[in-house]
């Protein structure tokens, strides 16, 4: 997504990645996957193959970690500033206004 801000002396472009799912929807996805995989693992454990249960926890922890890292990385935005003399400035920064990822302080 591109957000353009313009004034007399400065043009500023803010580039942010698309966010198709919020952290709340990611938690819902984790809950659905946990329920589905838990039912499958419970059926397998009842047949006698109980050693699959620790791997269920490992898979769910990996899923949670990957979704959290992705949500955290999507907070990075690129800022391109252009000046009338032909000079431009580029920076990458975290957008502290986004509060939907874990690890953000509540305002």
C-alpha atoms as a PDB file:
ATOM      1  CA  UNK A   1       0.000   0.000   0.000  1.00  0.00           C
ATOM      2  CA  UNK A   2       1.295   3.461  -0.879  1.00  0.00           C
ATOM      3  CA  UNK A   3       0.390   6.586   1.046  1.00  0.00           C
ATOM      4  CA  UNK A   4       1.511   9.880  -0.515  1.00  0.00           C
ATOM      5  CA  UNK A   5       1.812  13.085   1.469  1.00  0.00           C
ATOM      6  CA  UNK A   6       2.799  16.290  -0.244  1.00  0.00           C
ATOM      7  CA  UNK A   7       3.662  19.761   0.933  1.00  0.00           C
ATOM      8  CA  UNK A   8       5.392  22.746  -0.644  1.00  0.00           C
ATOM      9  CA  UNK A   9       8.945  21.587   0.139  1.00  0.00           C
ATOM     10  CA  UNK A  10       8.588  17.856   0.593  1.00  0.00           C
ATOM     11  CA  UNK A  11       6.879  14.847  -0.963  1.00  0.00           C
ATOM     12  CA  UNK A  12       6.739  11.767   1.243  1.00  0.00           C
ATOM     13  CA  UNK A  13       5.770   8.250   0.113  1.00  0.00           C
ATOM     14  CA  UNK A  14       5.039   5.668   2.797  1.00  0.00           C
ATOM     15  CA  UNK A  15       5.153   2.070   1.509  1.00  0.00           C
ATOM     16  CA  UNK A  16       3.590  -0.604   3.701  1.00  0.00           C
ATOM     17  CA  UNK A  17       3.007  -4.301   2.959  1.00  0.00           C
ATOM     18  CA  UNK A  18      -0.500  -5.653   2.475  1.00  0.00           C
ATOM     19  CA  UNK A  19      -1.992  -7.215   5.584  1.00  0.00           C
ATOM     20  CA  UNK A  20      -4.672  -9.700   4.628  1.00  0.00           C
ATOM     21  CA  UNK A  21      -5.105 -11.056   8.184  1.00  0.00           C
ATOM     22  CA  UNK A  22      -4.950  -9.311  11.547  1.00  0.00           C
ATOM     23  CA  UNK A  23      -3.458 -10.953  14.631  1.00  0.00           C
ATOM     24  CA  UNK A  24      -6.994 -11.727  15.835  1.00  0.00           C
ATOM     25  CA  UNK A  25      -7.730 -13.694  12.644  1.00  0.00           C
ATOM     26  CA  UNK A  26      -4.372 -15.456  12.984  1.00  0.00           C
ATOM     27  CA  UNK A  27      -5.382 -16.565  16.494  1.00  0.00           C
ATOM     28  CA  UNK A  28      -8.679 -17.874  15.099  1.00  0.00           C
ATOM     29  CA  UNK A  29      -6.740 -19.825  12.463  1.00  0.00           C
ATOM     30  CA  UNK A  30      -4.466 -21.290  15.148  1.00  0.00           C
ATOM     31  CA  UNK A  31      -7.540 -22.316  17.187  1.00  0.00           C
ATOM     32  CA  UNK A  32      -9.191 -24.052  14.206  1.00  0.00           C
ATOM     33  CA  UNK A  33      -5.977 -25.843  13.217  1.00  0.00           C
ATOM     34  CA  UNK A  34      -5.363 -26.837  16.862  1.00  0.00           C
ATOM     35  CA  UNK A  35      -8.832 -28.327  17.168  1.00  0.00           C
ATOM     36  CA  UNK A  36      -8.571 -30.216  13.890  1.00  0.00           C
ATOM     37  CA  UNK A  37      -5.061 -31.552  14.556  1.00  0.00           C
ATOM     38  CA  UNK A  38      -5.984 -32.355  18.167  1.00  0.00           C
ATOM     39  CA  UNK A  39      -8.875 -34.531  17.063  1.00  0.00           C
ATOM     40  CA  UNK A  40      -6.662 -36.374  14.582  1.00  0.00           C
ATOM     41  CA  UNK A  41      -3.886 -36.827  17.159  1.00  0.00           C
ATOM     42  CA  UNK A  42      -6.381 -38.033  19.761  1.00  0.00           C
ATOM     43  CA  UNK A  43      -7.685 -40.671  17.349  1.00  0.00           C
ATOM     44  CA  UNK A  44      -4.160 -41.820  16.552  1.00  0.00           C
ATOM     45  CA  UNK A  45      -3.251 -41.886  20.265  1.00  0.00           C
ATOM     46  CA  UNK A  46      -6.310 -43.995  21.081  1.00  0.00           C
ATOM     47  CA  UNK A  47      -5.132 -46.577  18.556  1.00  0.00           C
ATOM     48  CA  UNK A  48      -1.922 -46.849  20.571  1.00  0.00           C
ATOM     49  CA  UNK A  49       0.458 -44.472  18.815  1.00  0.00           C
ATOM     50  CA  UNK A  50       0.570 -41.950  21.703  1.00  0.00           C
ATOM     51  CA  UNK A  51       4.103 -40.668  20.839  1.00  0.00           C
ATOM     52  CA  UNK A  52       2.487 -38.402  18.215  1.00  0.00           C
ATOM     53  CA  UNK A  53       1.122 -36.087  20.931  1.00  0.00           C
ATOM     54  CA  UNK A  54       4.388 -34.181  21.638  1.00  0.00           C
ATOM     55  CA  UNK A  55       4.802 -33.593  17.903  1.00  0.00           C
ATOM     56  CA  UNK A  56       1.350 -31.998  17.834  1.00  0.00           C
ATOM     57  CA  UNK A  57       2.553 -29.426  20.359  1.00  0.00           C
ATOM     58  CA  UNK A  58       5.709 -28.844  18.345  1.00  0.00           C
ATOM     59  CA  UNK A  59       3.723 -28.311  15.142  1.00  0.00           C
ATOM     60  CA  UNK A  60       1.346 -25.865  16.810  1.00  0.00           C
ATOM     61  CA  UNK A  61       4.218 -23.935  18.409  1.00  0.00           C
ATOM     62  CA  UNK A  62       5.907 -23.691  15.002  1.00  0.00           C
ATOM     63  CA  UNK A  63       2.678 -22.444  13.409  1.00  0.00           C
ATOM     64  CA  UNK A  64       2.191 -19.835  16.143  1.00  0.00           C
ATOM     65  CA  UNK A  65       5.820 -18.688  15.883  1.00  0.00           C
ATOM     66  CA  UNK A  66       5.661 -18.350  12.098  1.00  0.00           C
ATOM     67  CA  UNK A  67       2.420 -16.361  12.161  1.00  0.00           C
ATOM     68  CA  UNK A  68       3.693 -14.115  14.970  1.00  0.00           C
ATOM     69  CA  UNK A  69       6.969 -13.413  13.124  1.00  0.00           C
ATOM     70  CA  UNK A  70       5.102 -12.614   9.905  1.00  0.00           C
ATOM     71  CA  UNK A  71       2.730 -10.238  11.698  1.00  0.00           C
ATOM     72  CA  UNK A  72       5.686  -8.572  13.436  1.00  0.00           C
ATOM     73  CA  UNK A  73       7.629  -8.143  10.181  1.00  0.00           C
ATOM     74  CA  UNK A  74       4.606  -6.601   8.447  1.00  0.00           C
ATOM     75  CA  UNK A  75       4.920  -3.600  10.759  1.00  0.00           C
ATOM     76  CA  UNK A  76       7.955  -2.388   8.801  1.00  0.00           C
ATOM     77  CA  UNK A  77       7.258   0.493   6.469  1.00  0.00           C
ATOM     78  CA  UNK A  78       9.517   2.226   3.971  1.00  0.00           C
ATOM     79  CA  UNK A  79       9.522   6.002   3.784  1.00  0.00           C
ATOM     80  CA  UNK A  80      10.793   7.808   0.677  1.00  0.00           C
ATOM     81  CA  UNK A  81      11.132  11.574   0.952  1.00  0.00           C
ATOM     82  CA  UNK A  82      11.877  13.772  -2.056  1.00  0.00           C
ATOM     83  CA  UNK A  83      13.019  17.374  -1.844  1.00  0.00           C
ATOM     84  CA  UNK A  84      12.682  20.083  -4.519  1.00  0.00           C
ATOM     85  CA  UNK A  85      16.456  20.246  -5.123  1.00  0.00           C
ATOM     86  CA  UNK A  86      16.442  16.699  -6.514  1.00  0.00           C
ATOM     87  CA  UNK A  87      17.647  14.916  -3.373  1.00  0.00           C
ATOM     88  CA  UNK A  88      15.709  12.001  -1.899  1.00  0.00           C
ATOM     89  CA  UNK A  89      15.926  10.166   1.379  1.00  0.00           C
ATOM     90  CA  UNK A  90      14.941   6.551   2.118  1.00  0.00           C
ATOM     91  CA  UNK A  91      14.377   4.885   5.500  1.00  0.00           C
ATOM     92  CA  UNK A  92      12.778   1.739   6.869  1.00  0.00           C
ATOM     93  CA  UNK A  93      11.075   1.945  10.238  1.00  0.00           C
ATOM     94  CA  UNK A  94       8.569   0.181  12.442  1.00  0.00           C
ATOM     95  CA  UNK A  95       5.110   1.685  12.448  1.00  0.00           C
ATOM     96  CA  UNK A  96       4.361   1.983  16.156  1.00  0.00           C
ATOM     97  CA  UNK A  97       0.687   2.830  15.506  1.00  0.00           C
ATOM     98  CA  UNK A  98      -0.169  -0.741  14.545  1.00  0.00           C
ATOM     99  CA  UNK A  99      -1.493  -2.444  17.659  1.00  0.00           C
ATOM    100  CA  UNK A 100      -2.798  -5.717  16.233  1.00  0.00           C
ATOM    101  CA  UNK A 101       0.428  -7.724  16.646  1.00  0.00           C
ATOM    102  CA  UNK A 102       1.584  -9.245  19.928  1.00  0.00           C
ATOM    103  CA  UNK A 103       4.384  -7.483  21.720  1.00  0.00           C
ATOM    104  CA  UNK A 104       2.952  -3.997  21.170  1.00  0.00           C
ATOM    105  CA  UNK A 105       2.369  -1.778  24.147  1.00  0.00           C
ATOM    106  CA  UNK A 106      -1.231  -0.753  24.654  1.00  0.00           C
ATOM    107  CA  UNK A 107      -1.985   2.934  24.376  1.00  0.00           C
END
